[in-house]
Every structure is written in structure tokens, then in C-alpha cells.
Amino acid sequence: DLMQKIGAIACEQNADRIAAVKVKLGALAHISGVHFREHFEQAAVGTPAEGARLDIEVSTDESDPHAQDILLQSVDVEEE
């Protein structure tokens, strides 16, 4: 679960807030960037990721081994 991974990173970094998240949507992930953003924003409510900037890269390479995946590429924590 993406939100669990983000939460674990926040905990490891002793961060109260996540500033930015970057994900890559595989070409066959069956979700658009707009739809993913809506789900992310809803899931982030009440978590350290609430209000974080979300950068979404959408792949068009259907032969990529991760073409069906949603990959967490980076998480930027807010410095205290």
C-alpha cells in the first residue's frame, strides 16, 4: 500500500509532514493520472502526506516489466 510506504518513510525520517511524492504509473496500470491524484488526495487526509505535492509520471511503454504497476519513485520530507 502506497500510503503505508509513505508513512513508514515519514516515521524513519522523523518527519511530521511529507512535502512531495513522486510516482510512476505504468502504461497498463489502468488508472489515469487525474484519477490517481483524486485517490491519493482522499487517502492522504489525516496522514503526514496530506497537502503534499504529487508529481505523476505516466509511462507509455507497454513492454516495461512494471507496465502494470504504480511505483513510488521518491518522497520528500519537510524539514523541521
PDB file of N, CA and C in Angstrom:
ATOM      1  N   ASP A   1       0.843  -1.187   0.000  1.00  0.00           N
ATOM      2  CA  ASP A   1       0.000   0.000   0.000  1.00  0.00           C
ATOM      3  C   ASP A   1       0.887   1.249   0.000  1.00  0.00           C
ATOM      4  N   LEU A   2       0.625   2.102  -0.944  1.00  0.00           N
ATOM      5  CA  LEU A   2       1.436   3.303  -1.137  1.00  0.00           C
ATOM      6  C   LEU A   2       1.446   4.199   0.100  1.00  0.00           C
ATOM      7  N   MET A   3       0.294   4.430   0.701  1.00  0.00           N
ATOM      8  CA  MET A   3       0.237   5.316   1.866  1.00  0.00           C
ATOM      9  C   MET A   3       1.008   4.728   3.046  1.00  0.00           C
ATOM     10  N   GLN A   4       1.016   3.414   3.181  1.00  0.00           N
ATOM     11  CA  GLN A   4       1.793   2.790   4.255  1.00  0.00           C
ATOM     12  C   GLN A   4       3.286   3.001   4.033  1.00  0.00           C
ATOM     13  N   LYS A   5       3.735   2.878   2.781  1.00  0.00           N
ATOM     14  CA  LYS A   5       5.146   3.111   2.465  1.00  0.00           C
ATOM     15  C   LYS A   5       5.528   4.558   2.768  1.00  0.00           C
ATOM     16  N   ILE A   6       4.667   5.485   2.385  1.00  0.00           N
ATOM     17  CA  ILE A   6       4.945   6.906   2.627  1.00  0.00           C
ATOM     18  C   ILE A   6       4.981   7.193   4.123  1.00  0.00           C
ATOM     19  N   GLY A   7       4.044   6.613   4.845  1.00  0.00           N
ATOM     20  CA  GLY A   7       4.016   6.780   6.300  1.00  0.00           C
ATOM     21  C   GLY A   7       5.257   6.217   6.968  1.00  0.00           C
ATOM     22  N   ALA A   8       5.730   5.071   6.483  1.00  0.00           N
ATOM     23  CA  ALA A   8       6.936   4.458   7.037  1.00  0.00           C
ATOM     24  C   ALA A   8       8.157   5.350   6.788  1.00  0.00           C
ATOM     25  N   ILE A   9       8.216   5.957   5.609  1.00  0.00           N
ATOM     26  CA  ILE A   9       9.328   6.855   5.297  1.00  0.00           C
ATOM     27  C   ILE A   9       9.286   8.077   6.211  1.00  0.00           C
ATOM     28  N   ALA A  10       8.093   8.627   6.424  1.00  0.00           N
ATOM     29  CA  ALA A  10       7.951   9.773   7.327  1.00  0.00           C
ATOM     30  C   ALA A  10       8.422   9.401   8.728  1.00  0.00           C
ATOM     31  N   CYS A  11       8.051   8.219   9.170  1.00  0.00           N
ATOM     32  CA  CYS A  11       8.449   7.755  10.507  1.00  0.00           C
ATOM     33  C   CYS A  11       9.964   7.576  10.585  1.00  0.00           C
ATOM     34  N   GLU A  12      10.563   6.944   9.572  1.00  0.00           N
ATOM     35  CA  GLU A  12      12.008   6.730   9.548  1.00  0.00           C
ATOM     36  C   GLU A  12      12.774   8.046   9.573  1.00  0.00           C
ATOM     37  N   GLN A  13      12.221   9.058   8.925  1.00  0.00           N
ATOM     38  CA  GLN A  13      12.877  10.359   8.830  1.00  0.00           C
ATOM     39  C   GLN A  13      12.481  11.293   9.974  1.00  0.00           C
ATOM     40  N   ASN A  14      11.646  10.807  10.899  1.00  0.00           N
ATOM     41  CA  ASN A  14      11.129  11.620  12.000  1.00  0.00           C
ATOM     42  C   ASN A  14      10.475  12.895  11.484  1.00  0.00           C
ATOM     43  N   ALA A  15       9.728  12.768  10.397  1.00  0.00           N
ATOM     44  CA  ALA A  15       9.072  13.912   9.764  1.00  0.00           C
ATOM     45  C   ALA A  15       7.590  13.929  10.126  1.00  0.00           C
ATOM     46  N   ASP A  16       7.103  15.108  10.437  1.00  0.00           N
ATOM     47  CA  ASP A  16       5.679  15.263  10.704  1.00  0.00           C
ATOM     48  C   ASP A  16       4.894  15.474   9.415  1.00  0.00           C
ATOM     49  N   ARG A  17       5.624  15.864   8.366  1.00  0.00           N
ATOM     50  CA  ARG A  17       4.932  16.197   7.127  1.00  0.00           C
ATOM     51  C   ARG A  17       5.762  15.780   5.922  1.00  0.00           C
ATOM     52  N   ILE A  18       5.054  15.300   4.906  1.00  0.00           N
ATOM     53  CA  ILE A  18       5.650  14.975   3.617  1.00  0.00           C
ATOM     54  C   ILE A  18       5.433  16.172   2.701  1.00  0.00           C
ATOM     55  N   ALA A  19       6.494  16.657   2.083  1.00  0.00           N
ATOM     56  CA  ALA A  19       6.392  17.826   1.201  1.00  0.00           C
ATOM     57  C   ALA A  19       5.990  17.430  -0.218  1.00  0.00           C
ATOM     58  N   ALA A  20       6.537  16.305  -0.707  1.00  0.00           N
ATOM     59  CA  ALA A  20       6.263  15.907  -2.083  1.00  0.00           C
ATOM     60  C   ALA A  20       6.400  14.404  -2.251  1.00  0.00           C
ATOM     61  N   VAL A  21       5.621  13.879  -3.182  1.00  0.00           N
ATOM     62  CA  VAL A  21       5.655  12.458  -3.528  1.00  0.00           C
ATOM     63  C   VAL A  21       5.715  12.369  -5.049  1.00  0.00           C
ATOM     64  N   LYS A  22       6.582  11.489  -5.541  1.00  0.00           N
ATOM     65  CA  LYS A  22       6.653  11.268  -6.983  1.00  0.00           C
ATOM     66  C   LYS A  22       6.355   9.804  -7.255  1.00  0.00           C
ATOM     67  N   VAL A  23       5.410   9.563  -8.174  1.00  0.00           N
ATOM     68  CA  VAL A  23       5.051   8.208  -8.550  1.00  0.00           C
ATOM     69  C   VAL A  23       5.121   8.053 -10.061  1.00  0.00           C
ATOM     70  N   LYS A  24       5.246   6.809 -10.483  1.00  0.00           N
ATOM     71  CA  LYS A  24       5.225   6.487 -11.905  1.00  0.00           C
ATOM     72  C   LYS A  24       4.100   5.493 -12.135  1.00  0.00           C
ATOM     73  N   LEU A  25       3.201   5.853 -13.034  1.00  0.00           N
ATOM     74  CA  LEU A  25       2.106   4.959 -13.406  1.00  0.00           C
ATOM     75  C   LEU A  25       2.524   4.187 -14.640  1.00  0.00           C
ATOM     76  N   GLY A  26       2.486   2.882 -14.550  1.00  0.00           N
ATOM     77  CA  GLY A  26       2.812   2.058 -15.697  1.00  0.00           C
ATOM     78  C   GLY A  26       1.773   2.235 -16.802  1.00  0.00           C
ATOM     79  N   ALA A  27       2.172   1.956 -18.030  1.00  0.00           N
ATOM     80  CA  ALA A  27       1.293   2.132 -19.186  1.00  0.00           C
ATOM     81  C   ALA A  27       0.028   1.271 -19.090  1.00  0.00           C
ATOM     82  N   LEU A  28       0.106   0.166 -18.367  1.00  0.00           N
ATOM     83  CA  LEU A  28      -1.039  -0.736 -18.230  1.00  0.00           C
ATOM     84  C   LEU A  28      -1.611  -0.729 -16.813  1.00  0.00           C
ATOM     85  N   ALA A  29      -1.379   0.329 -16.070  1.00  0.00           N
ATOM     86  CA  ALA A  29      -1.817   0.402 -14.672  1.00  0.00           C
ATOM     87  C   ALA A  29      -3.320   0.600 -14.537  1.00  0.00           C
ATOM     88  N   HIS A  30      -3.997   0.903 -15.617  1.00  0.00           N
ATOM     89  CA  HIS A  30      -5.459   1.041 -15.643  1.00  0.00           C
ATOM     90  C   HIS A  30      -5.977   2.141 -14.719  1.00  0.00           C
ATOM     91  N   ILE A  31      -5.208   3.200 -14.589  1.00  0.00           N
ATOM     92  CA  ILE A  31      -5.665   4.368 -13.842  1.00  0.00           C
ATOM     93  C   ILE A  31      -5.018   5.597 -14.473  1.00  0.00           C
ATOM     94  N   SER A  32      -5.800   6.624 -14.627  1.00  0.00           N
ATOM     95  CA  SER A  32      -5.253   7.855 -15.203  1.00  0.00           C
ATOM     96  C   SER A  32      -4.566   8.665 -14.103  1.00  0.00           C
ATOM     97  N   GLY A  33      -3.754   9.607 -14.527  1.00  0.00           N
ATOM     98  CA  GLY A  33      -3.104  10.489 -13.570  1.00  0.00           C
ATOM     99  C   GLY A  33      -4.104  11.280 -12.751  1.00  0.00           C
ATOM    100  N   VAL A  34      -5.175  11.746 -13.408  1.00  0.00           N
ATOM    101  CA  VAL A  34      -6.218  12.522 -12.719  1.00  0.00           C
ATOM    102  C   VAL A  34      -6.914  11.656 -11.673  1.00  0.00           C
ATOM    103  N   HIS A  35      -7.267  10.449 -12.042  1.00  0.00           N
ATOM    104  CA  HIS A  35      -7.962   9.539 -11.124  1.00  0.00           C
ATOM    105  C   HIS A  35      -7.040   9.161  -9.958  1.00  0.00           C
ATOM    106  N   PHE A  36      -5.764   8.906 -10.269  1.00  0.00           N
ATOM    107  CA  PHE A  36      -4.818   8.575  -9.208  1.00  0.00           C
ATOM    108  C   PHE A  36      -4.697   9.734  -8.227  1.00  0.00           C
ATOM    109  N   ARG A  37      -4.604  10.958  -8.743  1.00  0.00           N
ATOM    110  CA  ARG A  37      -4.488  12.140  -7.885  1.00  0.00           C
ATOM    111  C   ARG A  37      -5.677  12.236  -6.932  1.00  0.00           C
ATOM    112  N   GLU A  38      -6.885  12.005  -7.449  1.00  0.00           N
ATOM    113  CA  GLU A  38      -8.085  12.049  -6.600  1.00  0.00           C
ATOM    114  C   GLU A  38      -7.994  11.028  -5.479  1.00  0.00           C
ATOM    115  N   HIS A  39      -7.599   9.806  -5.809  1.00  0.00           N
ATOM    116  CA  HIS A  39      -7.480   8.760  -4.790  1.00  0.00           C
ATOM    117  C   HIS A  39      -6.383   9.091  -3.782  1.00  0.00           C
ATOM    118  N   PHE A  40      -5.263   9.600  -4.261  1.00  0.00           N
ATOM    119  CA  PHE A  40      -4.167   9.957  -3.366  1.00  0.00           C
ATOM    120  C   PHE A  40      -4.604  11.027  -2.376  1.00  0.00           C
ATOM    121  N   GLU A  41      -5.242  12.077  -2.881  1.00  0.00           N
ATOM    122  CA  GLU A  41      -5.664  13.173  -2.011  1.00  0.00           C
ATOM    123  C   GLU A  41      -6.651  12.692  -0.955  1.00  0.00           C
ATOM    124  N   GLN A  42      -7.562  11.795  -1.319  1.00  0.00           N
ATOM    125  CA  GLN A  42      -8.511  11.256  -0.349  1.00  0.00           C
ATOM    126  C   GLN A  42      -7.799  10.388   0.689  1.00  0.00           C
ATOM    127  N   ALA A  43      -6.873   9.538   0.236  1.00  0.00           N
ATOM    128  CA  ALA A  43      -6.168   8.630   1.146  1.00  0.00           C
ATOM    129  C   ALA A  43      -5.207   9.380   2.065  1.00  0.00           C
ATOM    130  N   ALA A  44      -4.723  10.545   1.629  1.00  0.00           N
ATOM    131  CA  ALA A  44      -3.737  11.299   2.403  1.00  0.00           C
ATOM    132  C   ALA A  44      -4.343  12.089   3.554  1.00  0.00           C
ATOM    133  N   VAL A  45      -5.649  12.282   3.553  1.00  0.00           N
ATOM    134  CA  VAL A  45      -6.290  13.073   4.611  1.00  0.00           C
ATOM    135  C   VAL A  45      -5.968  12.464   5.976  1.00  0.00           C
ATOM    136  N   GLY A  46      -5.452  13.308   6.862  1.00  0.00           N
ATOM    137  CA  GLY A  46      -5.118  12.868   8.215  1.00  0.00           C
ATOM    138  C   GLY A  46      -3.775  12.167   8.346  1.00  0.00           C
ATOM    139  N   THR A  47      -3.003  12.118   7.255  1.00  0.00           N
ATOM    140  CA  THR A  47      -1.683  11.487   7.288  1.00  0.00           C
ATOM    141  C   THR A  47      -0.613  12.559   7.070  1.00  0.00           C
ATOM    142  N   PRO A  48       0.657  12.201   7.273  1.00  0.00           N
ATOM    143  CA  PRO A  48       1.717  13.173   7.001  1.00  0.00           C
ATOM    144  C   PRO A  48       1.758  13.635   5.532  1.00  0.00           C
ATOM    145  N   ALA A  49       1.131  12.887   4.629  1.00  0.00           N
ATOM    146  CA  ALA A  49       1.138  13.231   3.203  1.00  0.00           C
ATOM    147  C   ALA A  49       0.018  14.193   2.809  1.00  0.00           C
ATOM    148  N   GLU A  50      -0.848  14.545   3.755  1.00  0.00           N
ATOM    149  CA  GLU A  50      -1.942  15.469   3.429  1.00  0.00           C
ATOM    150  C   GLU A  50      -1.360  16.803   2.970  1.00  0.00           C
ATOM    151  N   GLY A  51      -1.757  17.251   1.813  1.00  0.00           N
ATOM    152  CA  GLY A  51      -1.294  18.511   1.264  1.00  0.00           C
ATOM    153  C   GLY A  51       0.036  18.428   0.527  1.00  0.00           C
ATOM    154  N   ALA A  52       0.605  17.234   0.433  1.00  0.00           N
ATOM    155  CA  ALA A  52       1.887  17.080  -0.266  1.00  0.00           C
ATOM    156  C   ALA A  52       1.721  17.328  -1.758  1.00  0.00           C
ATOM    157  N   ARG A  53       2.773  17.856  -2.382  1.00  0.00           N
ATOM    158  CA  ARG A  53       2.781  17.995  -3.836  1.00  0.00           C
ATOM    159  C   ARG A  53       2.913  16.588  -4.425  1.00  0.00           C
ATOM    160  N   LEU A  54       2.099  16.288  -5.411  1.00  0.00           N
ATOM    161  CA  LEU A  54       2.130  14.973  -6.042  1.00  0.00           C
ATOM    162  C   LEU A  54       2.572  15.123  -7.484  1.00  0.00           C
ATOM    163  N   ASP A  55       3.709  14.525  -7.806  1.00  0.00           N
ATOM    164  CA  ASP A  55       4.223  14.514  -9.170  1.00  0.00           C
ATOM    165  C   ASP A  55       3.963  13.131  -9.752  1.00  0.00           C
ATOM    166  N   ILE A  56       3.284  13.096 -10.891  1.00  0.00           N
ATOM    167  CA  ILE A  56       2.908  11.827 -11.514  1.00  0.00           C
ATOM    168  C   ILE A  56       3.558  11.731 -12.885  1.00  0.00           C
ATOM    169  N   GLU A  57       4.321  10.683 -13.095  1.00  0.00           N
ATOM    170  CA  GLU A  57       4.868  10.368 -14.412  1.00  0.00           C
ATOM    171  C   GLU A  57       4.048   9.209 -14.967  1.00  0.00           C
ATOM    172  N   VAL A  58       3.582   9.348 -16.182  1.00  0.00           N
ATOM    173  CA  VAL A  58       2.792   8.288 -16.806  1.00  0.00           C
ATOM    174  C   VAL A  58       3.614   7.683 -17.931  1.00  0.00           C
ATOM    175  N   SER A  59       3.919   6.412 -17.807  1.00  0.00           N
ATOM    176  CA  SER A  59       4.698   5.711 -18.819  1.00  0.00           C
ATOM    177  C   SER A  59       3.802   5.290 -19.981  1.00  0.00           C
ATOM    178  N   THR A  60       4.383   5.234 -21.150  1.00  0.00           N
ATOM    179  CA  THR A  60       3.664   4.745 -22.330  1.00  0.00           C
ATOM    180  C   THR A  60       4.266   3.440 -22.839  1.00  0.00           C
ATOM    181  N   ASP A  61       5.274   2.932 -22.134  1.00  0.00           N
ATOM    182  CA  ASP A  61       5.988   1.727 -22.556  1.00  0.00           C
ATOM    183  C   ASP A  61       5.275   0.469 -22.050  1.00  0.00           C
ATOM    184  N   GLU A  62       4.473  -0.126 -22.913  1.00  0.00           N
ATOM    185  CA  GLU A  62       3.712  -1.317 -22.523  1.00  0.00           C
ATOM    186  C   GLU A  62       4.599  -2.545 -22.338  1.00  0.00           C
ATOM    187  N   SER A  63       5.836  -2.507 -22.813  1.00  0.00           N
ATOM    188  CA  SER A  63       6.738  -3.649 -22.663  1.00  0.00           C
ATOM    189  C   SER A  63       7.590  -3.555 -21.395  1.00  0.00           C
ATOM    190  N   ASP A  64       7.485  -2.453 -20.685  1.00  0.00           N
ATOM    191  CA  ASP A  64       8.216  -2.280 -19.427  1.00  0.00           C
ATOM    192  C   ASP A  64       7.770  -3.368 -18.447  1.00  0.00           C
ATOM    193  N   PRO A  65       8.709  -3.993 -17.719  1.00  0.00           N
ATOM    194  CA  PRO A  65       8.329  -5.026 -16.754  1.00  0.00           C
ATOM    195  C   PRO A  65       7.384  -4.515 -15.657  1.00  0.00           C
ATOM    196  N   HIS A  66       7.342  -3.204 -15.453  1.00  0.00           N
ATOM    197  CA  HIS A  66       6.470  -2.605 -14.443  1.00  0.00           C
ATOM    198  C   HIS A  66       5.279  -1.892 -15.071  1.00  0.00           C
ATOM    199  N   ALA A  67       4.904  -2.291 -16.270  1.00  0.00           N
ATOM    200  CA  ALA A  67       3.841  -1.603 -17.006  1.00  0.00           C
ATOM    201  C   ALA A  67       2.494  -1.639 -16.286  1.00  0.00           C
ATOM    202  N   GLN A  68       2.279  -2.611 -15.412  1.00  0.00           N
ATOM    203  CA  GLN A  68       1.002  -2.706 -14.692  1.00  0.00           C
ATOM    204  C   GLN A  68       1.075  -2.107 -13.298  1.00  0.00           C
ATOM    205  N   ASP A  69       2.202  -1.556 -12.945  1.00  0.00           N
ATOM    206  CA  ASP A  69       2.435  -1.117 -11.573  1.00  0.00           C
ATOM    207  C   ASP A  69       2.311   0.391 -11.382  1.00  0.00           C
ATOM    208  N   ILE A  70       2.129   0.742 -10.123  1.00  0.00           N
ATOM    209  CA  ILE A  70       2.244   2.123  -9.666  1.00  0.00           C
ATOM    210  C   ILE A  70       3.464   2.136  -8.761  1.00  0.00           C
ATOM    211  N   LEU A  71       4.503   2.840  -9.194  1.00  0.00           N
ATOM    212  CA  LEU A  71       5.773   2.803  -8.484  1.00  0.00           C
ATOM    213  C   LEU A  71       6.024   4.104  -7.726  1.00  0.00           C
ATOM    214  N   LEU A  72       6.376   3.962  -6.468  1.00  0.00           N
ATOM    215  CA  LEU A  72       6.781   5.108  -5.657  1.00  0.00           C
ATOM    216  C   LEU A  72       8.228   5.416  -6.009  1.00  0.00           C
ATOM    217  N   GLN A  73       8.479   6.594  -6.590  1.00  0.00           N
ATOM    218  CA  GLN A  73       9.832   6.938  -7.004  1.00  0.00           C
ATOM    219  C   GLN A  73      10.581   7.753  -5.965  1.00  0.00           C
ATOM    220  N   SER A  74       9.899   8.674  -5.302  1.00  0.00           N
ATOM    221  CA  SER A  74      10.584   9.452  -4.273  1.00  0.00           C
ATOM    222  C   SER A  74       9.574  10.083  -3.321  1.00  0.00           C
ATOM    223  N   VAL A  75      10.077  10.367  -2.126  1.00  0.00           N
ATOM    224  CA  VAL A  75       9.305  11.042  -1.092  1.00  0.00           C
ATOM    225  C   VAL A  75      10.207  12.105  -0.491  1.00  0.00           C
ATOM    226  N   ASP A  76       9.748  13.338  -0.516  1.00  0.00           N
ATOM    227  CA  ASP A  76      10.500  14.439   0.094  1.00  0.00           C
ATOM    228  C   ASP A  76       9.816  14.824   1.404  1.00  0.00           C
ATOM    229  N   VAL A  77      10.591  14.788   2.477  1.00  0.00           N
ATOM    230  CA  VAL A  77      10.032  15.163   3.780  1.00  0.00           C
ATOM    231  C   VAL A  77      10.287  16.638   4.020  1.00  0.00           C
ATOM    232  N   GLU A  78       9.423  17.225   4.816  1.00  0.00           N
ATOM    233  CA  GLU A  78       9.590  18.637   5.168  1.00  0.00           C
ATOM    234  C   GLU A  78      10.502  18.719   6.378  1.00  0.00           C
ATOM    235  N   GLU A  79      11.521  19.535   6.235  1.00  0.00           N
ATOM    236  CA  GLU A  79      12.469  19.725   7.330  1.00  0.00           C
ATOM    237  C   GLU A  79      11.805  20.535   8.446  1.00  0.00           C
ATOM    238  N   GLU A  80      12.116  20.173   9.667  1.00  0.00           N
ATOM    239  CA  GLU A  80      11.542  20.902  10.796  1.00  0.00           C
ATOM    240  C   GLU A  80      12.359  22.121  11.113  1.00  0.00           C
TER     241      GLU A  80
END
